[in-house]
N, C-alpha and C. Protein backbone atom coordinates (compact mmCIF):
# COMPACT_ATOMS: atom_id res chain seq x y z
N MET A 1 2.79 3.00 -6.19
CA MET A 1 2.32 2.89 -4.83
C MET A 1 0.86 2.44 -4.89
N LYS A 2 0.50 1.58 -3.98
CA LYS A 2 -0.86 1.04 -3.99
C LYS A 2 -1.58 1.38 -2.69
N ARG A 3 -2.89 1.42 -2.78
CA ARG A 3 -3.76 1.55 -1.63
C ARG A 3 -4.88 0.54 -1.79
N TRP A 4 -5.49 0.14 -0.69
CA TRP A 4 -6.62 -0.77 -0.72
C TRP A 4 -7.79 -0.07 -0.08
N VAL A 5 -8.95 -0.09 -0.75
CA VAL A 5 -10.15 0.59 -0.29
C VAL A 5 -11.22 -0.45 -0.02
N GLU A 6 -11.80 -0.40 1.17
CA GLU A 6 -12.88 -1.31 1.54
C GLU A 6 -14.19 -0.55 1.45
N HIS A 7 -15.12 -1.07 0.64
CA HIS A 7 -16.43 -0.43 0.45
C HIS A 7 -17.49 -1.51 0.34
N ASP A 8 -18.52 -1.43 1.16
CA ASP A 8 -19.61 -2.41 1.17
C ASP A 8 -19.09 -3.84 1.30
N GLY A 9 -18.06 -4.03 2.13
CA GLY A 9 -17.54 -5.36 2.40
C GLY A 9 -16.62 -5.91 1.32
N LYS A 10 -16.38 -5.14 0.27
CA LYS A 10 -15.49 -5.58 -0.80
C LYS A 10 -14.19 -4.78 -0.74
N LEU A 11 -13.08 -5.45 -1.05
CA LEU A 11 -11.78 -4.81 -1.03
C LEU A 11 -11.34 -4.53 -2.46
N HIS A 12 -10.98 -3.28 -2.74
CA HIS A 12 -10.55 -2.84 -4.06
C HIS A 12 -9.09 -2.40 -3.98
N GLU A 13 -8.26 -2.91 -4.89
CA GLU A 13 -6.86 -2.50 -4.95
C GLU A 13 -6.74 -1.34 -5.93
N ILE A 14 -6.14 -0.24 -5.49
CA ILE A 14 -5.99 0.94 -6.33
C ILE A 14 -4.50 1.20 -6.51
N ASP A 15 -4.07 1.27 -7.76
CA ASP A 15 -2.68 1.54 -8.08
C ASP A 15 -2.54 3.03 -8.33
N LEU A 16 -1.75 3.69 -7.50
CA LEU A 16 -1.55 5.13 -7.63
C LEU A 16 -0.24 5.41 -8.34
N ARG A 17 -0.24 6.36 -9.21
CA ARG A 17 0.98 6.81 -9.88
C ARG A 17 1.20 8.26 -9.46
N LYS A 18 2.44 8.66 -9.36
CA LYS A 18 2.75 10.04 -8.97
C LYS A 18 2.12 11.02 -9.94
N ARG A 19 1.54 12.07 -9.40
CA ARG A 19 1.00 13.19 -10.16
C ARG A 19 -0.10 12.81 -11.13
N GLU A 20 -0.75 11.70 -10.91
CA GLU A 20 -1.89 11.32 -11.74
C GLU A 20 -3.11 11.20 -10.84
N LEU A 21 -4.23 11.67 -11.32
CA LEU A 21 -5.48 11.54 -10.59
C LEU A 21 -6.31 10.50 -11.31
N LYS A 22 -6.48 9.34 -10.69
CA LYS A 22 -7.21 8.25 -11.32
C LYS A 22 -8.53 8.04 -10.58
N VAL A 23 -9.54 7.69 -11.35
CA VAL A 23 -10.87 7.41 -10.80
C VAL A 23 -11.11 5.92 -10.92
N HIS A 24 -11.62 5.33 -9.85
CA HIS A 24 -11.88 3.90 -9.81
C HIS A 24 -13.34 3.67 -9.46
N ASP A 25 -13.98 2.73 -10.18
CA ASP A 25 -15.36 2.36 -9.89
C ASP A 25 -15.38 1.40 -8.71
N LEU A 26 -16.23 1.68 -7.73
CA LEU A 26 -16.38 0.77 -6.60
C LEU A 26 -17.57 -0.15 -6.88
N CYS A 27 -18.77 0.39 -6.82
CA CYS A 27 -19.98 -0.36 -7.17
C CYS A 27 -21.17 0.57 -7.12
N ASN A 28 -22.27 0.15 -7.75
CA ASN A 28 -23.51 0.92 -7.76
C ASN A 28 -23.30 2.36 -8.20
N GLY A 29 -22.37 2.57 -9.13
CA GLY A 29 -22.12 3.92 -9.63
C GLY A 29 -21.25 4.79 -8.75
N VAL A 30 -20.83 4.27 -7.60
CA VAL A 30 -19.98 5.04 -6.71
C VAL A 30 -18.55 4.97 -7.24
N LYS A 31 -17.92 6.12 -7.33
CA LYS A 31 -16.54 6.20 -7.80
C LYS A 31 -15.69 6.82 -6.69
N ILE A 32 -14.38 6.53 -6.76
CA ILE A 32 -13.47 7.07 -5.76
C ILE A 32 -12.20 7.53 -6.44
N THR A 33 -11.62 8.58 -5.91
CA THR A 33 -10.28 9.00 -6.26
C THR A 33 -9.58 9.35 -4.96
N LEU A 34 -8.29 9.21 -4.94
CA LEU A 34 -7.53 9.55 -3.74
C LEU A 34 -6.72 10.80 -4.04
N LEU A 35 -6.84 11.79 -3.20
CA LEU A 35 -6.11 13.04 -3.33
C LEU A 35 -5.32 13.24 -2.05
N ASP A 36 -3.99 13.20 -2.14
CA ASP A 36 -3.12 13.28 -0.96
C ASP A 36 -3.47 12.19 0.05
N GLY A 37 -3.82 11.00 -0.45
CA GLY A 37 -4.12 9.88 0.42
C GLY A 37 -5.51 9.90 1.02
N ARG A 38 -6.30 10.92 0.73
CA ARG A 38 -7.66 11.01 1.27
C ARG A 38 -8.67 10.66 0.20
N PRO A 39 -9.67 9.86 0.58
CA PRO A 39 -10.66 9.43 -0.43
C PRO A 39 -11.67 10.52 -0.75
N ILE A 40 -11.99 10.64 -2.03
CA ILE A 40 -13.07 11.53 -2.47
C ILE A 40 -14.05 10.64 -3.20
N LEU A 41 -15.26 10.55 -2.67
CA LEU A 41 -16.31 9.71 -3.25
C LEU A 41 -17.28 10.58 -4.04
N PHE A 42 -17.76 10.04 -5.16
CA PHE A 42 -18.76 10.75 -5.94
C PHE A 42 -19.49 9.78 -6.84
N ARG A 43 -20.56 10.26 -7.45
CA ARG A 43 -21.36 9.46 -8.38
C ARG A 43 -21.57 10.31 -9.63
N THR A 44 -21.55 9.68 -10.79
CA THR A 44 -21.80 10.40 -12.04
C THR A 44 -23.05 9.86 -12.70
N SER A 45 -23.68 10.71 -13.48
CA SER A 45 -24.85 10.29 -14.25
C SER A 45 -24.91 11.11 -15.53
N ASN A 46 -25.60 10.57 -16.54
CA ASN A 46 -25.76 11.27 -17.82
C ASN A 46 -27.14 11.90 -17.87
N ALA A 47 -27.18 13.15 -18.30
CA ALA A 47 -28.45 13.86 -18.47
C ALA A 47 -28.31 14.78 -19.67
N ASP A 48 -29.14 14.57 -20.68
CA ASP A 48 -29.12 15.40 -21.89
C ASP A 48 -27.74 15.48 -22.52
N GLY A 49 -27.03 14.35 -22.55
CA GLY A 49 -25.72 14.32 -23.17
C GLY A 49 -24.60 14.93 -22.33
N ARG A 50 -24.94 15.37 -21.13
CA ARG A 50 -23.92 15.94 -20.24
C ARG A 50 -23.68 14.97 -19.09
N ILE A 51 -22.50 15.01 -18.55
CA ILE A 51 -22.18 14.18 -17.39
C ILE A 51 -22.33 15.03 -16.14
N LEU A 52 -23.17 14.56 -15.22
CA LEU A 52 -23.36 15.24 -13.95
C LEU A 52 -22.56 14.54 -12.87
N VAL A 53 -21.90 15.30 -12.04
CA VAL A 53 -21.13 14.75 -10.93
C VAL A 53 -21.83 15.13 -9.65
N GLU A 54 -22.24 14.11 -8.90
CA GLU A 54 -22.88 14.34 -7.60
C GLU A 54 -21.84 14.10 -6.52
N THR A 55 -21.61 15.08 -5.68
CA THR A 55 -20.65 14.93 -4.60
C THR A 55 -21.07 15.84 -3.47
N PRO A 56 -20.85 15.54 -2.22
CA PRO A 56 -20.22 14.31 -1.75
C PRO A 56 -21.20 13.14 -1.73
N GLU A 57 -20.68 11.96 -1.81
CA GLU A 57 -21.47 10.73 -1.73
C GLU A 57 -21.66 10.44 -0.25
N ALA A 58 -22.76 10.91 0.30
CA ALA A 58 -22.96 10.87 1.76
C ALA A 58 -23.33 9.49 2.28
N HIS A 59 -23.81 8.61 1.40
CA HIS A 59 -24.31 7.32 1.87
C HIS A 59 -23.29 6.20 1.76
N ALA A 60 -22.07 6.53 1.38
CA ALA A 60 -21.04 5.50 1.25
C ALA A 60 -19.94 5.75 2.25
N THR A 61 -19.46 4.70 2.83
CA THR A 61 -18.31 4.82 3.72
C THR A 61 -17.22 3.89 3.21
N VAL A 62 -16.00 4.34 3.33
CA VAL A 62 -14.87 3.55 2.88
C VAL A 62 -13.78 3.59 3.94
N LYS A 63 -12.91 2.58 3.89
CA LYS A 63 -11.70 2.56 4.68
C LYS A 63 -10.56 2.44 3.69
N VAL A 64 -9.51 3.24 3.89
CA VAL A 64 -8.36 3.21 3.00
C VAL A 64 -7.18 2.63 3.78
N TYR A 65 -6.54 1.63 3.19
CA TYR A 65 -5.40 0.97 3.82
C TYR A 65 -4.15 1.16 2.98
N LYS A 66 -3.00 1.24 3.63
CA LYS A 66 -1.73 1.33 2.92
C LYS A 66 -1.20 -0.05 2.56
N ALA A 67 -1.79 -1.08 3.12
CA ALA A 67 -1.44 -2.47 2.81
C ALA A 67 -2.71 -3.29 2.92
N PRO A 68 -2.78 -4.44 2.28
CA PRO A 68 -3.99 -5.26 2.37
C PRO A 68 -4.32 -5.55 3.83
N PRO A 69 -5.57 -5.36 4.23
CA PRO A 69 -5.95 -5.58 5.63
C PRO A 69 -5.57 -6.95 6.16
N SER A 70 -5.60 -7.97 5.31
CA SER A 70 -5.24 -9.31 5.77
C SER A 70 -3.80 -9.35 6.24
N LEU A 71 -2.92 -8.56 5.61
CA LEU A 71 -1.52 -8.54 6.01
C LEU A 71 -1.30 -7.64 7.22
N THR A 72 -2.01 -6.50 7.28
CA THR A 72 -1.79 -5.59 8.40
C THR A 72 -2.36 -6.16 9.68
N ARG A 73 -3.33 -7.05 9.59
CA ARG A 73 -3.93 -7.66 10.78
C ARG A 73 -3.23 -8.96 11.17
N ALA A 74 -2.44 -9.50 10.24
CA ALA A 74 -1.78 -10.77 10.52
C ALA A 74 -0.72 -10.60 11.59
N SER A 75 -0.57 -11.60 12.40
CA SER A 75 0.45 -11.52 13.44
C SER A 75 1.78 -11.98 12.87
N GLU A 76 2.85 -11.44 13.45
CA GLU A 76 4.20 -11.81 13.03
C GLU A 76 4.43 -13.27 13.43
N SER A 77 5.03 -14.02 12.56
CA SER A 77 5.30 -15.42 12.87
C SER A 77 6.69 -15.77 12.36
N LYS A 78 7.11 -17.00 12.60
CA LYS A 78 8.42 -17.44 12.13
C LYS A 78 8.41 -17.66 10.63
N SER A 79 7.24 -17.78 10.02
CA SER A 79 7.18 -18.03 8.58
C SER A 79 6.86 -16.78 7.77
N VAL A 80 6.50 -15.67 8.42
CA VAL A 80 6.19 -14.43 7.72
C VAL A 80 6.82 -13.27 8.47
N GLN A 81 7.53 -12.41 7.74
CA GLN A 81 8.08 -11.20 8.34
C GLN A 81 7.50 -10.00 7.62
N GLN A 82 6.88 -9.11 8.39
CA GLN A 82 6.40 -7.86 7.85
C GLN A 82 7.47 -6.82 8.14
N ILE A 83 8.01 -6.22 7.10
CA ILE A 83 9.03 -5.19 7.29
C ILE A 83 8.32 -3.85 7.32
N LYS A 84 8.34 -3.21 8.49
CA LYS A 84 7.65 -1.95 8.70
C LYS A 84 8.67 -0.85 9.00
N SER A 85 8.29 0.37 8.69
CA SER A 85 9.17 1.50 8.96
C SER A 85 9.18 1.80 10.46
N PRO A 86 10.35 1.89 11.06
CA PRO A 86 10.41 2.17 12.49
C PRO A 86 10.21 3.65 12.82
N MET A 87 10.14 4.50 11.78
CA MET A 87 10.01 5.94 11.98
C MET A 87 9.51 6.58 10.70
N PRO A 88 9.00 7.83 10.78
CA PRO A 88 8.70 8.54 9.54
C PRO A 88 10.01 8.72 8.77
N ALA A 89 10.01 8.45 7.48
CA ALA A 89 11.26 8.47 6.73
C ALA A 89 10.99 8.58 5.24
N LEU A 90 12.08 8.66 4.49
CA LEU A 90 12.04 8.65 3.04
C LEU A 90 12.67 7.35 2.56
N VAL A 91 12.03 6.67 1.64
CA VAL A 91 12.59 5.44 1.09
C VAL A 91 13.71 5.82 0.12
N VAL A 92 14.92 5.36 0.42
CA VAL A 92 16.08 5.66 -0.40
C VAL A 92 16.22 4.62 -1.51
N SER A 93 16.09 3.35 -1.15
CA SER A 93 16.19 2.30 -2.16
C SER A 93 15.42 1.06 -1.71
N VAL A 94 15.01 0.30 -2.70
CA VAL A 94 14.39 -1.00 -2.47
C VAL A 94 15.36 -2.01 -3.07
N GLU A 95 16.02 -2.75 -2.20
CA GLU A 95 17.09 -3.65 -2.62
C GLU A 95 16.59 -4.97 -3.19
N LYS A 96 15.40 -5.39 -2.80
CA LYS A 96 14.85 -6.67 -3.27
C LYS A 96 13.49 -6.41 -3.90
N LYS A 97 13.17 -7.24 -4.90
CA LYS A 97 11.87 -7.11 -5.55
C LYS A 97 11.06 -8.38 -5.28
N VAL A 98 9.78 -8.34 -5.62
CA VAL A 98 8.91 -9.50 -5.41
C VAL A 98 9.49 -10.70 -6.16
N GLY A 99 9.58 -11.81 -5.43
CA GLY A 99 10.11 -13.04 -6.01
C GLY A 99 11.57 -13.30 -5.68
N ASP A 100 12.27 -12.28 -5.18
CA ASP A 100 13.68 -12.47 -4.81
C ASP A 100 13.79 -13.31 -3.55
N ARG A 101 14.77 -14.21 -3.55
CA ARG A 101 15.08 -14.99 -2.34
C ARG A 101 15.98 -14.15 -1.45
N VAL A 102 15.75 -14.22 -0.15
CA VAL A 102 16.58 -13.49 0.81
C VAL A 102 17.06 -14.44 1.89
N LYS A 103 18.20 -14.13 2.43
CA LYS A 103 18.75 -14.84 3.58
C LYS A 103 18.62 -13.92 4.79
N LYS A 104 18.58 -14.49 5.96
CA LYS A 104 18.52 -13.71 7.18
C LYS A 104 19.69 -12.72 7.18
N GLY A 105 19.38 -11.44 7.38
CA GLY A 105 20.41 -10.40 7.39
C GLY A 105 20.53 -9.62 6.10
N ASP A 106 19.88 -10.09 5.01
CA ASP A 106 19.90 -9.34 3.75
C ASP A 106 19.09 -8.06 3.88
N THR A 107 19.59 -6.96 3.30
CA THR A 107 18.86 -5.70 3.30
C THR A 107 17.75 -5.77 2.26
N VAL A 108 16.54 -5.38 2.67
CA VAL A 108 15.40 -5.38 1.76
C VAL A 108 15.07 -3.95 1.33
N VAL A 109 15.02 -3.02 2.30
CA VAL A 109 14.67 -1.62 2.04
C VAL A 109 15.63 -0.74 2.82
N VAL A 110 16.01 0.40 2.22
CA VAL A 110 16.83 1.39 2.91
C VAL A 110 16.01 2.67 3.03
N ILE A 111 15.91 3.19 4.27
CA ILE A 111 15.18 4.44 4.51
C ILE A 111 16.14 5.48 5.07
N GLU A 112 15.71 6.74 5.03
CA GLU A 112 16.52 7.82 5.57
C GLU A 112 15.64 8.76 6.37
N ALA A 113 16.11 9.10 7.57
CA ALA A 113 15.42 10.06 8.43
C ALA A 113 16.48 10.90 9.13
N MET A 114 16.32 12.20 9.10
CA MET A 114 17.25 13.12 9.75
C MET A 114 18.69 12.87 9.29
N LYS A 115 18.86 12.68 7.99
CA LYS A 115 20.15 12.47 7.32
C LYS A 115 20.87 11.21 7.77
N MET A 116 20.15 10.27 8.36
CA MET A 116 20.72 8.98 8.74
C MET A 116 19.99 7.88 7.99
N ARG A 117 20.75 6.98 7.39
CA ARG A 117 20.15 5.87 6.65
C ARG A 117 20.03 4.64 7.54
N THR A 118 18.93 3.93 7.36
CA THR A 118 18.67 2.71 8.11
C THR A 118 18.37 1.60 7.13
N GLN A 119 19.09 0.49 7.28
CA GLN A 119 18.84 -0.68 6.45
C GLN A 119 17.84 -1.57 7.17
N LEU A 120 16.73 -1.87 6.51
CA LEU A 120 15.73 -2.77 7.07
C LEU A 120 16.00 -4.15 6.48
N LYS A 121 16.30 -5.09 7.35
CA LYS A 121 16.81 -6.40 6.93
C LYS A 121 15.79 -7.52 7.16
N ALA A 122 15.98 -8.58 6.41
CA ALA A 122 15.19 -9.79 6.59
C ALA A 122 15.64 -10.48 7.88
N HIS A 123 14.69 -10.93 8.66
CA HIS A 123 14.99 -11.68 9.88
C HIS A 123 14.81 -13.18 9.69
N ILE A 124 14.35 -13.56 8.49
CA ILE A 124 14.15 -14.98 8.17
C ILE A 124 14.66 -15.24 6.76
N ASP A 125 14.97 -16.49 6.47
CA ASP A 125 15.28 -16.89 5.09
C ASP A 125 13.94 -17.09 4.38
N GLY A 126 13.84 -16.61 3.15
CA GLY A 126 12.58 -16.79 2.44
C GLY A 126 12.55 -16.07 1.11
N VAL A 127 11.34 -15.69 0.70
CA VAL A 127 11.08 -15.02 -0.57
C VAL A 127 10.29 -13.74 -0.29
N VAL A 128 10.66 -12.67 -0.98
CA VAL A 128 9.91 -11.42 -0.89
C VAL A 128 8.60 -11.61 -1.64
N THR A 129 7.47 -11.49 -0.95
CA THR A 129 6.17 -11.71 -1.59
C THR A 129 5.44 -10.40 -1.90
N HIS A 130 5.75 -9.34 -1.18
CA HIS A 130 5.11 -8.04 -1.41
C HIS A 130 6.12 -6.93 -1.19
N VAL A 131 6.08 -5.91 -2.05
CA VAL A 131 6.83 -4.67 -1.84
C VAL A 131 5.83 -3.55 -2.09
N TYR A 132 5.64 -2.69 -1.10
CA TYR A 132 4.61 -1.66 -1.17
C TYR A 132 5.13 -0.26 -1.43
N VAL A 133 6.45 -0.10 -1.54
CA VAL A 133 7.03 1.24 -1.70
C VAL A 133 8.01 1.26 -2.85
N GLN A 134 8.41 2.47 -3.20
CA GLN A 134 9.42 2.67 -4.22
C GLN A 134 10.31 3.81 -3.76
N PRO A 135 11.51 3.94 -4.29
CA PRO A 135 12.40 5.02 -3.87
C PRO A 135 11.76 6.39 -4.06
N GLY A 136 12.01 7.27 -3.09
CA GLY A 136 11.48 8.63 -3.16
C GLY A 136 10.15 8.83 -2.44
N VAL A 137 9.56 7.75 -1.93
CA VAL A 137 8.27 7.83 -1.27
C VAL A 137 8.48 8.08 0.23
N SER A 138 7.70 8.98 0.80
CA SER A 138 7.73 9.21 2.25
C SER A 138 6.83 8.18 2.92
N VAL A 139 7.30 7.64 4.04
CA VAL A 139 6.52 6.63 4.76
C VAL A 139 6.35 7.08 6.21
N SER A 140 5.32 6.58 6.84
CA SER A 140 5.06 6.92 8.23
C SER A 140 5.53 5.80 9.15
N LYS A 141 5.62 6.10 10.42
CA LYS A 141 6.04 5.10 11.40
C LYS A 141 5.04 3.94 11.40
N GLY A 142 5.56 2.72 11.33
CA GLY A 142 4.70 1.55 11.36
C GLY A 142 4.13 1.14 10.01
N GLN A 143 4.40 1.92 8.97
CA GLN A 143 3.86 1.59 7.64
C GLN A 143 4.53 0.32 7.11
N LEU A 144 3.72 -0.57 6.56
CA LEU A 144 4.21 -1.82 5.99
C LEU A 144 4.92 -1.52 4.67
N LEU A 145 6.19 -1.95 4.58
CA LEU A 145 6.99 -1.68 3.39
C LEU A 145 7.16 -2.91 2.50
N ALA A 146 7.33 -4.07 3.13
CA ALA A 146 7.54 -5.31 2.37
C ALA A 146 7.19 -6.50 3.25
N VAL A 147 7.02 -7.65 2.60
CA VAL A 147 6.71 -8.89 3.32
C VAL A 147 7.63 -9.99 2.79
N VAL A 148 8.23 -10.72 3.74
CA VAL A 148 9.06 -11.86 3.40
C VAL A 148 8.39 -13.10 3.99
N GLU A 149 8.24 -14.14 3.17
CA GLU A 149 7.65 -15.39 3.64
C GLU A 149 8.65 -16.51 3.48
N ALA A 150 8.73 -17.35 4.52
CA ALA A 150 9.65 -18.49 4.47
C ALA A 150 9.13 -19.51 3.47
N GLU A 151 10.04 -20.13 2.75
CA GLU A 151 9.66 -21.21 1.85
C GLU A 151 9.63 -22.50 2.67
N PRO A 152 8.69 -23.37 2.40
CA PRO A 152 8.59 -24.61 3.19
C PRO A 152 9.85 -25.47 3.15
N ASN A 153 10.59 -25.41 2.05
CA ASN A 153 11.76 -26.28 1.94
C ASN A 153 13.06 -25.60 2.37
N LEU A 154 12.99 -24.38 2.95
CA LEU A 154 14.21 -23.71 3.41
C LEU A 154 14.61 -24.20 4.78
């Protein structure tokens, strides 16, 4: 699962793995880790052979996105389909991976809510360019799950 963090006008892609706490350098010594989807900012320094952790980093502000801001702000068009979750749910399966060709009506992602499964389908012919989820992940209403882009020659 990935998140995108915007800090000082720069966008950083952070790859999250289940049950791992990873630290990512942003800039100017500012570091970030995400805990339950919430950013924790801090700065480290060396003093007498010891590492000092300064927290909280009060002078830095960040925005955390579940998908790249350029995609979440993009409008739906006939050449791009953003597949979003219509409700809070659990991802049961991801039927297509990045690079797969899809036809209109093909299932891309299957979610489950209240013991009912919903197939999220492609509305255009094209290629899957982004997949942001994996099976077993909980998603919120409106969360971007995948992107399908039409090929110019289709």
